[in-house]
Structure formats: structure tokens, C-alpha cells
Amino acid sequence: MNAPKPDRTGELTFDGRSIAFREGQTIGAALAAAGVSAWRTTRVTGEPRGLFCGIGVCYDCILTVDGARARRACVTPARDGQVVRSDDPHEALPMAGGHGG
């Protein structure tokens, strides 16, 4: 009988904090497992937001991953070495196609 292999793990950085994750977890799952429940606030009232629907529909869990804005934490796979940061609702999102107004 073969012993089960241990889960492969990795580590990402969230707002300067090291967050461990198991292979197959999303960024949202890794943050929730580490006790992080909110990583952005609403633009008008400043209400905290994090995981809500968990399936990529509501966009409450957006954050910045390796410099790419507005990534959904609930469907973005966690990868070793990622740099993840809270999303700033007052920072303008980039325009599609890279051309400004």
C-alpha cells in the first residue's frame, strides 16, 4: 500500500503578507483560509467586500494580481510567487485596448 502524497503547497503575497495555499485553491479560498474576509471597499460607502457568490458572477471579490487589476479572487487560481493586493475603488480601471480618453 502506498502512503498518500502530501498536498502540494505554495505561497503568495497579499498586501505584503505571506499567504500559504494548497494546490488547486483559488486566491479567494487561500485568503479565506488565512482569515482574510475583505480586501476592498465599495466606492461610495466604504463597505468591506470579499467573497460573496464564490463562482465569479458578482465581482465583489476583485483585487489586483501581479499588476493586473479587477481579477476575481474566487475564480483566479493561486500560484506560487503571485503578488496580490487589495483593490482601490478610487483608482480608475484601465480602458480596454489600452487607449485613454
PDB file of N, CA and C in Angstrom:
ATOM      1  N   MET A   1       0.848  -1.184   0.000  1.00  0.00           N
ATOM      2  CA  MET A   1       0.000   0.000   0.000  1.00  0.00           C
ATOM      3  C   MET A   1       0.892   1.245   0.000  1.00  0.00           C
ATOM      4  N   ASN A   2       0.550   2.201  -0.846  1.00  0.00           N
ATOM      5  CA  ASN A   2       1.306   3.445  -0.930  1.00  0.00           C
ATOM      6  C   ASN A   2       0.718   4.489  -0.003  1.00  0.00           C
ATOM      7  N   ALA A   3       1.590   5.215   0.657  1.00  0.00           N
ATOM      8  CA  ALA A   3       1.139   6.309   1.518  1.00  0.00           C
ATOM      9  C   ALA A   3       0.665   7.450   0.635  1.00  0.00           C
ATOM     10  N   PRO A   4      -0.407   8.155   1.038  1.00  0.00           N
ATOM     11  CA  PRO A   4      -0.868   9.297   0.235  1.00  0.00           C
ATOM     12  C   PRO A   4       0.184  10.388   0.201  1.00  0.00           C
ATOM     13  N   LYS A   5       0.297  11.027  -0.946  1.00  0.00           N
ATOM     14  CA  LYS A   5       1.239  12.131  -1.085  1.00  0.00           C
ATOM     15  C   LYS A   5       0.681  13.355  -0.373  1.00  0.00           C
ATOM     16  N   PRO A   6       1.550  14.102   0.301  1.00  0.00           N
ATOM     17  CA  PRO A   6       1.060  15.328   0.949  1.00  0.00           C
ATOM     18  C   PRO A   6       0.619  16.337  -0.100  1.00  0.00           C
ATOM     19  N   ASP A   7      -0.322  17.178   0.280  1.00  0.00           N
ATOM     20  CA  ASP A   7      -0.766  18.238  -0.630  1.00  0.00           C
ATOM     21  C   ASP A   7       0.421  19.118  -0.998  1.00  0.00           C
ATOM     22  N   ARG A   8       0.485  19.469  -2.271  1.00  0.00           N
ATOM     23  CA  ARG A   8       1.484  20.438  -2.685  1.00  0.00           C
ATOM     24  C   ARG A   8       1.003  21.805  -2.228  1.00  0.00           C
ATOM     25  N   THR A   9       1.936  22.605  -1.826  1.00  0.00           N
ATOM     26  CA  THR A   9       1.577  23.935  -1.330  1.00  0.00           C
ATOM     27  C   THR A   9       2.394  24.998  -2.044  1.00  0.00           C
ATOM     28  N   GLY A  10       1.971  26.216  -1.883  1.00  0.00           N
ATOM     29  CA  GLY A  10       2.683  27.357  -2.425  1.00  0.00           C
ATOM     30  C   GLY A  10       2.462  28.542  -1.517  1.00  0.00           C
ATOM     31  N   GLU A  11       3.002  29.663  -1.928  1.00  0.00           N
ATOM     32  CA  GLU A  11       2.859  30.877  -1.132  1.00  0.00           C
ATOM     33  C   GLU A  11       2.729  32.075  -2.060  1.00  0.00           C
ATOM     34  N   LEU A  12       1.769  32.933  -1.753  1.00  0.00           N
ATOM     35  CA  LEU A  12       1.609  34.187  -2.468  1.00  0.00           C
ATOM     36  C   LEU A  12       1.751  35.315  -1.465  1.00  0.00           C
ATOM     37  N   THR A  13       1.892  36.514  -1.968  1.00  0.00           N
ATOM     38  CA  THR A  13       1.995  37.688  -1.095  1.00  0.00           C
ATOM     39  C   THR A  13       0.740  38.522  -1.281  1.00  0.00           C
ATOM     40  N   PHE A  14       0.061  38.829  -0.173  1.00  0.00           N
ATOM     41  CA  PHE A  14      -1.134  39.660  -0.200  1.00  0.00           C
ATOM     42  C   PHE A  14      -0.901  40.896   0.643  1.00  0.00           C
ATOM     43  N   ASP A  15      -0.886  42.057   0.015  1.00  0.00           N
ATOM     44  CA  ASP A  15      -0.633  43.324   0.708  1.00  0.00           C
ATOM     45  C   ASP A  15       0.584  43.219   1.634  1.00  0.00           C
ATOM     46  N   GLY A  16       1.639  42.544   1.136  1.00  0.00           N
ATOM     47  CA  GLY A  16       2.878  42.410   1.882  1.00  0.00           C
ATOM     48  C   GLY A  16       2.922  41.248   2.858  1.00  0.00           C
ATOM     49  N   ARG A  17       1.841  40.523   2.997  1.00  0.00           N
ATOM     50  CA  ARG A  17       1.744  39.405   3.945  1.00  0.00           C
ATOM     51  C   ARG A  17       1.834  38.078   3.185  1.00  0.00           C
ATOM     52  N   SER A  18       2.624  37.140   3.678  1.00  0.00           N
ATOM     53  CA  SER A  18       2.728  35.821   3.053  1.00  0.00           C
ATOM     54  C   SER A  18       1.484  34.993   3.359  1.00  0.00           C
ATOM     55  N   ILE A  19       0.898  34.419   2.319  1.00  0.00           N
ATOM     56  CA  ILE A  19      -0.296  33.587   2.448  1.00  0.00           C
ATOM     57  C   ILE A  19       0.011  32.226   1.819  1.00  0.00           C
ATOM     58  N   ALA A  20      -0.069  31.178   2.619  1.00  0.00           N
ATOM     59  CA  ALA A  20       0.152  29.828   2.111  1.00  0.00           C
ATOM     60  C   ALA A  20      -1.142  29.322   1.478  1.00  0.00           C
ATOM     61  N   PHE A  21      -1.008  28.459   0.485  1.00  0.00           N
ATOM     62  CA  PHE A  21      -2.191  27.858  -0.129  1.00  0.00           C
ATOM     63  C   PHE A  21      -1.877  26.432  -0.544  1.00  0.00           C
ATOM     64  N   ARG A  22      -2.923  25.662  -0.753  1.00  0.00           N
ATOM     65  CA  ARG A  22      -2.797  24.297  -1.262  1.00  0.00           C
ATOM     66  C   ARG A  22      -3.014  24.314  -2.762  1.00  0.00           C
ATOM     67  N   GLU A  23      -2.340  23.430  -3.451  1.00  0.00           N
ATOM     68  CA  GLU A  23      -2.524  23.317  -4.888  1.00  0.00           C
ATOM     69  C   GLU A  23      -4.001  23.126  -5.204  1.00  0.00           C
ATOM     70  N   GLY A  24      -4.490  23.884  -6.190  1.00  0.00           N
ATOM     71  CA  GLY A  24      -5.891  23.799  -6.591  1.00  0.00           C
ATOM     72  C   GLY A  24      -6.777  24.860  -5.967  1.00  0.00           C
ATOM     73  N   GLN A  25      -6.288  25.560  -4.960  1.00  0.00           N
ATOM     74  CA  GLN A  25      -7.091  26.611  -4.344  1.00  0.00           C
ATOM     75  C   GLN A  25      -7.088  27.863  -5.209  1.00  0.00           C
ATOM     76  N   THR A  26      -8.177  28.608  -5.115  1.00  0.00           N
ATOM     77  CA  THR A  26      -8.213  29.935  -5.721  1.00  0.00           C
ATOM     78  C   THR A  26      -7.578  30.919  -4.744  1.00  0.00           C
ATOM     79  N   ILE A  27      -7.296  32.107  -5.246  1.00  0.00           N
ATOM     80  CA  ILE A  27      -6.776  33.148  -4.360  1.00  0.00           C
ATOM     81  C   ILE A  27      -7.785  33.428  -3.253  1.00  0.00           C
ATOM     82  N   GLY A  28      -9.073  33.498  -3.613  1.00  0.00           N
ATOM     83  CA  GLY A  28     -10.113  33.751  -2.612  1.00  0.00           C
ATOM     84  C   GLY A  28     -10.136  32.691  -1.526  1.00  0.00           C
ATOM     85  N   ALA A  29     -10.010  31.429  -1.898  1.00  0.00           N
ATOM     86  CA  ALA A  29     -10.004  30.344  -0.911  1.00  0.00           C
ATOM     87  C   ALA A  29      -8.778  30.444  -0.009  1.00  0.00           C
ATOM     88  N   ALA A  30      -7.632  30.777  -0.598  1.00  0.00           N
ATOM     89  CA  ALA A  30      -6.408  30.918   0.191  1.00  0.00           C
ATOM     90  C   ALA A  30      -6.530  32.071   1.187  1.00  0.00           C
ATOM     91  N   LEU A  31      -7.092  33.191   0.738  1.00  0.00           N
ATOM     92  CA  LEU A  31      -7.270  34.331   1.640  1.00  0.00           C
ATOM     93  C   LEU A  31      -8.253  33.991   2.759  1.00  0.00           C
ATOM     94  N   ALA A  32      -9.361  33.352   2.412  1.00  0.00           N
ATOM     95  CA  ALA A  32     -10.349  32.971   3.428  1.00  0.00           C
ATOM     96  C   ALA A  32      -9.736  32.008   4.447  1.00  0.00           C
ATOM     97  N   ALA A  33      -8.955  31.039   3.972  1.00  0.00           N
ATOM     98  CA  ALA A  33      -8.316  30.084   4.876  1.00  0.00           C
ATOM     99  C   ALA A  33      -7.326  30.764   5.810  1.00  0.00           C
ATOM    100  N   ALA A  34      -6.750  31.890   5.357  1.00  0.00           N
ATOM    101  CA  ALA A  34      -5.801  32.651   6.174  1.00  0.00           C
ATOM    102  C   ALA A  34      -6.501  33.666   7.077  1.00  0.00           C
ATOM    103  N   GLY A  35      -7.841  33.690   7.045  1.00  0.00           N
ATOM    104  CA  GLY A  35      -8.594  34.594   7.913  1.00  0.00           C
ATOM    105  C   GLY A  35      -8.857  35.970   7.336  1.00  0.00           C
ATOM    106  N   VAL A  36      -8.572  36.150   6.058  1.00  0.00           N
ATOM    107  CA  VAL A  36      -8.819  37.447   5.402  1.00  0.00           C
ATOM    108  C   VAL A  36     -10.219  37.398   4.798  1.00  0.00           C
ATOM    109  N   SER A  37     -11.118  38.242   5.280  1.00  0.00           N
ATOM    110  CA  SER A  37     -12.508  38.185   4.812  1.00  0.00           C
ATOM    111  C   SER A  37     -12.896  39.323   3.876  1.00  0.00           C
ATOM    112  N   ALA A  38     -12.107  40.386   3.837  1.00  0.00           N
ATOM    113  CA  ALA A  38     -12.411  41.516   2.952  1.00  0.00           C
ATOM    114  C   ALA A  38     -11.102  42.086   2.439  1.00  0.00           C
ATOM    115  N   TRP A  39     -11.122  42.513   1.152  1.00  0.00           N
ATOM    116  CA  TRP A  39      -9.900  43.075   0.573  1.00  0.00           C
ATOM    117  C   TRP A  39     -10.175  44.253  -0.332  1.00  0.00           C
ATOM    118  N   ARG A  40     -11.361  44.746  -0.309  1.00  0.00           N
ATOM    119  CA  ARG A  40     -11.658  46.004  -0.994  1.00  0.00           C
ATOM    120  C   ARG A  40     -12.843  46.628  -0.294  1.00  0.00           C
ATOM    121  N   THR A  41     -13.125  47.886  -0.638  1.00  0.00           N
ATOM    122  CA  THR A  41     -14.301  48.558  -0.103  1.00  0.00           C
ATOM    123  C   THR A  41     -15.099  49.139  -1.258  1.00  0.00           C
ATOM    124  N   THR A  42     -16.384  49.376  -0.992  1.00  0.00           N
ATOM    125  CA  THR A  42     -17.216  49.974  -2.025  1.00  0.00           C
ATOM    126  C   THR A  42     -16.827  51.441  -2.201  1.00  0.00           C
ATOM    127  N   ARG A  43     -17.043  51.940  -3.386  1.00  0.00           N
ATOM    128  CA  ARG A  43     -16.620  53.289  -3.735  1.00  0.00           C
ATOM    129  C   ARG A  43     -17.351  54.368  -2.936  1.00  0.00           C
ATOM    130  N   VAL A  44     -18.659  54.236  -2.773  1.00  0.00           N
ATOM    131  CA  VAL A  44     -19.444  55.308  -2.159  1.00  0.00           C
ATOM    132  C   VAL A  44     -19.466  55.228  -0.636  1.00  0.00           C
ATOM    133  N   THR A  45     -19.796  54.061  -0.081  1.00  0.00           N
ATOM    134  CA  THR A  45     -19.978  53.964   1.368  1.00  0.00           C
ATOM    135  C   THR A  45     -18.810  53.346   2.119  1.00  0.00           C
ATOM    136  N   GLY A  46     -17.836  52.802   1.392  1.00  0.00           N
ATOM    137  CA  GLY A  46     -16.674  52.218   2.058  1.00  0.00           C
ATOM    138  C   GLY A  46     -16.944  50.892   2.743  1.00  0.00           C
ATOM    139  N   GLU A  47     -18.011  50.208   2.334  1.00  0.00           N
ATOM    140  CA  GLU A  47     -18.341  48.908   2.936  1.00  0.00           C
ATOM    141  C   GLU A  47     -17.322  47.857   2.496  1.00  0.00           C
ATOM    142  N   PRO A  48     -16.901  46.991   3.426  1.00  0.00           N
ATOM    143  CA  PRO A  48     -15.927  45.960   3.063  1.00  0.00           C
ATOM    144  C   PRO A  48     -16.532  44.907   2.142  1.00  0.00           C
ATOM    145  N   ARG A  49     -15.698  44.407   1.225  1.00  0.00           N
ATOM    146  CA  ARG A  49     -16.127  43.362   0.295  1.00  0.00           C
ATOM    147  C   ARG A  49     -15.046  42.302   0.184  1.00  0.00           C
ATOM    148  N   GLY A  50     -15.483  41.073  -0.055  1.00  0.00           N
ATOM    149  CA  GLY A  50     -14.585  39.935  -0.250  1.00  0.00           C
ATOM    150  C   GLY A  50     -15.356  38.886  -1.023  1.00  0.00           C
ATOM    151  N   LEU A  51     -15.256  37.631  -0.600  1.00  0.00           N
ATOM    152  CA  LEU A  51     -16.015  36.568  -1.265  1.00  0.00           C
ATOM    153  C   LEU A  51     -17.502  36.740  -0.994  1.00  0.00           C
ATOM    154  N   PHE A  52     -18.304  36.562  -2.020  1.00  0.00           N
ATOM    155  CA  PHE A  52     -19.756  36.610  -1.852  1.00  0.00           C
ATOM    156  C   PHE A  52     -20.380  35.414  -2.559  1.00  0.00           C
ATOM    157  N   CYS A  53     -20.379  35.422  -3.888  1.00  0.00           N
ATOM    158  CA  CYS A  53     -21.020  34.317  -4.607  1.00  0.00           C
ATOM    159  C   CYS A  53     -20.092  33.113  -4.738  1.00  0.00           C
ATOM    160  N   GLY A  54     -18.798  33.358  -4.841  1.00  0.00           N
ATOM    161  CA  GLY A  54     -17.831  32.278  -4.945  1.00  0.00           C
ATOM    162  C   GLY A  54     -17.762  31.587  -6.295  1.00  0.00           C
ATOM    163  N   ILE A  55     -18.486  32.104  -7.302  1.00  0.00           N
ATOM    164  CA  ILE A  55     -18.492  31.463  -8.624  1.00  0.00           C
ATOM    165  C   ILE A  55     -18.212  32.441  -9.763  1.00  0.00           C
ATOM    166  N   GLY A  56     -17.759  33.637  -9.446  1.00  0.00           N
ATOM    167  CA  GLY A  56     -17.356  34.578 -10.481  1.00  0.00           C
ATOM    168  C   GLY A  56     -18.447  35.421 -11.089  1.00  0.00           C
ATOM    169  N   VAL A  57     -19.615  35.463 -10.461  1.00  0.00           N
ATOM    170  CA  VAL A  57     -20.732  36.203 -11.036  1.00  0.00           C
ATOM    171  C   VAL A  57     -20.838  37.631 -10.497  1.00  0.00           C
ATOM    172  N   CYS A  58     -20.607  37.836  -9.216  1.00  0.00           N
ATOM    173  CA  CYS A  58     -20.936  39.125  -8.595  1.00  0.00           C
ATOM    174  C   CYS A  58     -19.820  40.174  -8.633  1.00  0.00           C
ATOM    175  N   TYR A  59     -18.591  39.806  -8.796  1.00  0.00           N
ATOM    176  CA  TYR A  59     -17.442  40.712  -8.834  1.00  0.00           C
ATOM    177  C   TYR A  59     -17.183  41.440  -7.515  1.00  0.00           C
ATOM    178  N   ASP A  60     -17.717  40.949  -6.411  1.00  0.00           N
ATOM    179  CA  ASP A  60     -17.412  41.561  -5.120  1.00  0.00           C
ATOM    180  C   ASP A  60     -15.975  41.292  -4.681  1.00  0.00           C
ATOM    181  N   CYS A  61     -15.360  40.249  -5.219  1.00  0.00           N
ATOM    182  CA  CYS A  61     -14.052  39.817  -4.735  1.00  0.00           C
ATOM    183  C   CYS A  61     -12.883  40.294  -5.582  1.00  0.00           C
ATOM    184  N   ILE A  62     -13.054  41.352  -6.360  1.00  0.00           N
ATOM    185  CA  ILE A  62     -11.965  41.774  -7.236  1.00  0.00           C
ATOM    186  C   ILE A  62     -10.765  42.307  -6.457  1.00  0.00           C
ATOM    187  N   LEU A  63      -9.594  42.025  -7.013  1.00  0.00           N
ATOM    188  CA  LEU A  63      -8.337  42.502  -6.459  1.00  0.00           C
ATOM    189  C   LEU A  63      -7.317  42.583  -7.584  1.00  0.00           C
ATOM    190  N   THR A  64      -6.111  42.966  -7.262  1.00  0.00           N
ATOM    191  CA  THR A  64      -5.052  43.102  -8.256  1.00  0.00           C
ATOM    192  C   THR A  64      -4.082  41.933  -8.106  1.00  0.00           C
ATOM    193  N   VAL A  65      -3.807  41.248  -9.223  1.00  0.00           N
ATOM    194  CA  VAL A  65      -2.922  40.079  -9.213  1.00  0.00           C
ATOM    195  C   VAL A  65      -1.768  40.330 -10.176  1.00  0.00           C
ATOM    196  N   ASP A  66      -0.563  40.349  -9.648  1.00  0.00           N
ATOM    197  CA  ASP A  66       0.632  40.586 -10.466  1.00  0.00           C
ATOM    198  C   ASP A  66       0.468  41.810 -11.366  1.00  0.00           C
ATOM    199  N   GLY A  67      -0.125  42.864 -10.808  1.00  0.00           N
ATOM    200  CA  GLY A  67      -0.301  44.124 -11.523  1.00  0.00           C
ATOM    201  C   GLY A  67      -1.539  44.211 -12.398  1.00  0.00           C
ATOM    202  N   ALA A  68      -2.252  43.114 -12.567  1.00  0.00           N
ATOM    203  CA  ALA A  68      -3.474  43.110 -13.389  1.00  0.00           C
ATOM    204  C   ALA A  68      -4.671  43.418 -12.494  1.00  0.00           C
ATOM    205  N   ARG A  69      -5.347  44.525 -12.797  1.00  0.00           N
ATOM    206  CA  ARG A  69      -6.474  44.978 -11.982  1.00  0.00           C
ATOM    207  C   ARG A  69      -7.724  44.161 -12.223  1.00  0.00           C
ATOM    208  N   ALA A  70      -8.646  44.235 -11.288  1.00  0.00           N
ATOM    209  CA  ALA A  70     -10.011  43.693 -11.390  1.00  0.00           C
ATOM    210  C   ALA A  70     -10.044  42.197 -11.679  1.00  0.00           C
ATOM    211  N   ARG A  71      -9.238  41.433 -10.969  1.00  0.00           N
ATOM    212  CA  ARG A  71      -9.259  39.976 -11.073  1.00  0.00           C
ATOM    213  C   ARG A  71     -10.170  39.425  -9.994  1.00  0.00           C
ATOM    214  N   ARG A  72     -10.999  38.468 -10.346  1.00  0.00           N
ATOM    215  CA  ARG A  72     -11.920  37.864  -9.376  1.00  0.00           C
ATOM    216  C   ARG A  72     -11.191  36.802  -8.567  1.00  0.00           C
ATOM    217  N   ALA A  73     -11.081  37.030  -7.275  1.00  0.00           N
ATOM    218  CA  ALA A  73     -10.348  36.124  -6.387  1.00  0.00           C
ATOM    219  C   ALA A  73     -10.974  34.740  -6.338  1.00  0.00           C
ATOM    220  N   CYS A  74     -12.283  34.666  -6.530  1.00  0.00           N
ATOM    221  CA  CYS A  74     -12.973  33.377  -6.378  1.00  0.00           C
ATOM    222  C   CYS A  74     -12.737  32.424  -7.535  1.00  0.00           C
ATOM    223  N   VAL A  75     -12.259  32.907  -8.668  1.00  0.00           N
ATOM    224  CA  VAL A  75     -12.026  32.034  -9.822  1.00  0.00           C
ATOM    225  C   VAL A  75     -10.590  32.106 -10.338  1.00  0.00           C
ATOM    226  N   THR A  76      -9.745  32.899  -9.706  1.00  0.00           N
ATOM    227  CA  THR A  76      -8.356  33.017 -10.132  1.00  0.00           C
ATOM    228  C   THR A  76      -7.510  32.034  -9.331  1.00  0.00           C
ATOM    229  N   PRO A  77      -6.868  31.084 -10.014  1.00  0.00           N
ATOM    230  CA  PRO A  77      -6.049  30.095  -9.295  1.00  0.00           C
ATOM    231  C   PRO A  77      -4.881  30.754  -8.561  1.00  0.00           C
ATOM    232  N   ALA A  78      -4.634  30.279  -7.358  1.00  0.00           N
ATOM    233  CA  ALA A  78      -3.460  30.730  -6.607  1.00  0.00           C
ATOM    234  C   ALA A  78      -2.222  30.094  -7.234  1.00  0.00           C
ATOM    235  N   ARG A  79      -1.179  30.882  -7.414  1.00  0.00           N
ATOM    236  CA  ARG A  79       0.080  30.414  -7.996  1.00  0.00           C
ATOM    237  C   ARG A  79       1.235  30.860  -7.092  1.00  0.00           C
ATOM    238  N   ASP A  80       2.203  30.004  -6.984  1.00  0.00           N
ATOM    239  CA  ASP A  80       3.354  30.308  -6.151  1.00  0.00           C
ATOM    240  C   ASP A  80       4.040  31.575  -6.645  1.00  0.00           C
ATOM    241  N   GLY A  81       4.320  32.488  -5.721  1.00  0.00           N
ATOM    242  CA  GLY A  81       5.035  33.717  -6.042  1.00  0.00           C
ATOM    243  C   GLY A  81       4.168  34.876  -6.493  1.00  0.00           C
ATOM    244  N   GLN A  82       2.858  34.689  -6.599  1.00  0.00           N
ATOM    245  CA  GLN A  82       1.986  35.790  -7.019  1.00  0.00           C
ATOM    246  C   GLN A  82       2.076  36.947  -6.034  1.00  0.00           C
ATOM    247  N   VAL A  83       1.907  38.140  -6.573  1.00  0.00           N
ATOM    248  CA  VAL A  83       1.806  39.340  -5.744  1.00  0.00           C
ATOM    249  C   VAL A  83       0.381  39.837  -5.905  1.00  0.00           C
ATOM    250  N   VAL A  84      -0.351  39.781  -4.815  1.00  0.00           N
ATOM    251  CA  VAL A  84      -1.772  40.128  -4.809  1.00  0.00           C
ATOM    252  C   VAL A  84      -1.961  41.319  -3.886  1.00  0.00           C
ATOM    253  N   ARG A  85      -2.799  42.254  -4.315  1.00  0.00           N
ATOM    254  CA  ARG A  85      -3.058  43.397  -3.433  1.00  0.00           C
ATOM    255  C   ARG A  85      -4.533  43.785  -3.462  1.00  0.00           C
ATOM    256  N   SER A  86      -4.926  44.435  -2.398  1.00  0.00           N
ATOM    257  CA  SER A  86      -6.292  44.935  -2.286  1.00  0.00           C
ATOM    258  C   SER A  86      -6.589  45.861  -3.446  1.00  0.00           C
ATOM    259  N   ASP A  87      -7.840  45.901  -3.844  1.00  0.00           N
ATOM    260  CA  ASP A  87      -8.235  46.781  -4.937  1.00  0.00           C
ATOM    261  C   ASP A  87      -8.670  48.123  -4.382  1.00  0.00           C
ATOM    262  N   ASP A  88      -8.234  49.193  -5.010  1.00  0.00           N
ATOM    263  CA  ASP A  88      -8.600  50.548  -4.603  1.00  0.00           C
ATOM    264  C   ASP A  88      -9.758  51.018  -5.478  1.00  0.00           C
ATOM    265  N   PRO A  89     -10.952  51.191  -4.886  1.00  0.00           N
ATOM    266  CA  PRO A  89     -12.106  51.577  -5.698  1.00  0.00           C
ATOM    267  C   PRO A  89     -12.007  52.969  -6.299  1.00  0.00           C
ATOM    268  N   HIS A  90     -11.083  53.782  -5.820  1.00  0.00           N
ATOM    269  CA  HIS A  90     -10.952  55.138  -6.341  1.00  0.00           C
ATOM    270  C   HIS A  90      -9.932  55.239  -7.472  1.00  0.00           C
ATOM    271  N   GLU A  91      -9.207  54.157  -7.714  1.00  0.00           N
ATOM    272  CA  GLU A  91      -8.238  54.126  -8.803  1.00  0.00           C
ATOM    273  C   GLU A  91      -8.953  53.697 -10.078  1.00  0.00           C
ATOM    274  N   ALA A  92      -8.811  54.470 -11.121  1.00  0.00           N
ATOM    275  CA  ALA A  92      -9.509  54.165 -12.380  1.00  0.00           C
ATOM    276  C   ALA A  92      -9.030  52.848 -12.964  1.00  0.00           C
ATOM    277  N   LEU A  93      -9.956  52.071 -13.489  1.00  0.00           N
ATOM    278  CA  LEU A  93      -9.611  50.837 -14.175  1.00  0.00           C
ATOM    279  C   LEU A  93      -9.064  51.165 -15.559  1.00  0.00           C
ATOM    280  N   PRO A  94      -8.147  50.340 -16.066  1.00  0.00           N
ATOM    281  CA  PRO A  94      -7.620  50.609 -17.405  1.00  0.00           C
ATOM    282  C   PRO A  94      -8.703  50.420 -18.462  1.00  0.00           C
ATOM    283  N   MET A  95      -8.613  51.190 -19.519  1.00  0.00           N
ATOM    284  CA  MET A  95      -9.580  51.073 -20.614  1.00  0.00           C
ATOM    285  C   MET A  95      -9.198  49.894 -21.495  1.00  0.00           C
ATOM    286  N   ALA A  96     -10.193  49.199 -22.027  1.00  0.00           N
ATOM    287  CA  ALA A  96      -9.950  48.095 -22.943  1.00  0.00           C
ATOM    288  C   ALA A  96      -9.206  48.618 -24.170  1.00  0.00           C
ATOM    289  N   GLY A  97      -8.223  47.872 -24.627  1.00  0.00           N
ATOM    290  CA  GLY A  97      -7.458  48.299 -25.796  1.00  0.00           C
ATOM    291  C   GLY A  97      -6.302  49.206 -25.474  1.00  0.00           C
ATOM    292  N   GLY A  98      -6.203  49.636 -24.200  1.00  0.00           N
ATOM    293  CA  GLY A  98      -5.070  50.429 -23.765  1.00  0.00           C
ATOM    294  C   GLY A  98      -5.081  51.880 -24.195  1.00  0.00           C
ATOM    295  N   HIS A  99      -6.187  52.378 -24.745  1.00  0.00           N
ATOM    296  CA  HIS A  99      -6.247  53.771 -25.185  1.00  0.00           C
ATOM    297  C   HIS A  99      -7.084  54.587 -24.211  1.00  0.00           C
ATOM    298  N   GLY A 100      -6.590  55.703 -23.787  1.00  0.00           N
ATOM    299  CA  GLY A 100      -7.314  56.590 -22.880  1.00  0.00           C
ATOM    300  C   GLY A 100      -8.146  57.593 -23.634  1.00  0.00           C
ATOM    301  N   GLY A 101      -8.997  58.303 -22.880  1.00  0.00           N
ATOM    302  CA  GLY A 101      -9.962  59.236 -23.350  1.00  0.00           C
ATOM    303  C   GLY A 101      -9.596  60.245 -24.262  1.00  0.00           C
TER     304      GLY A 101
END
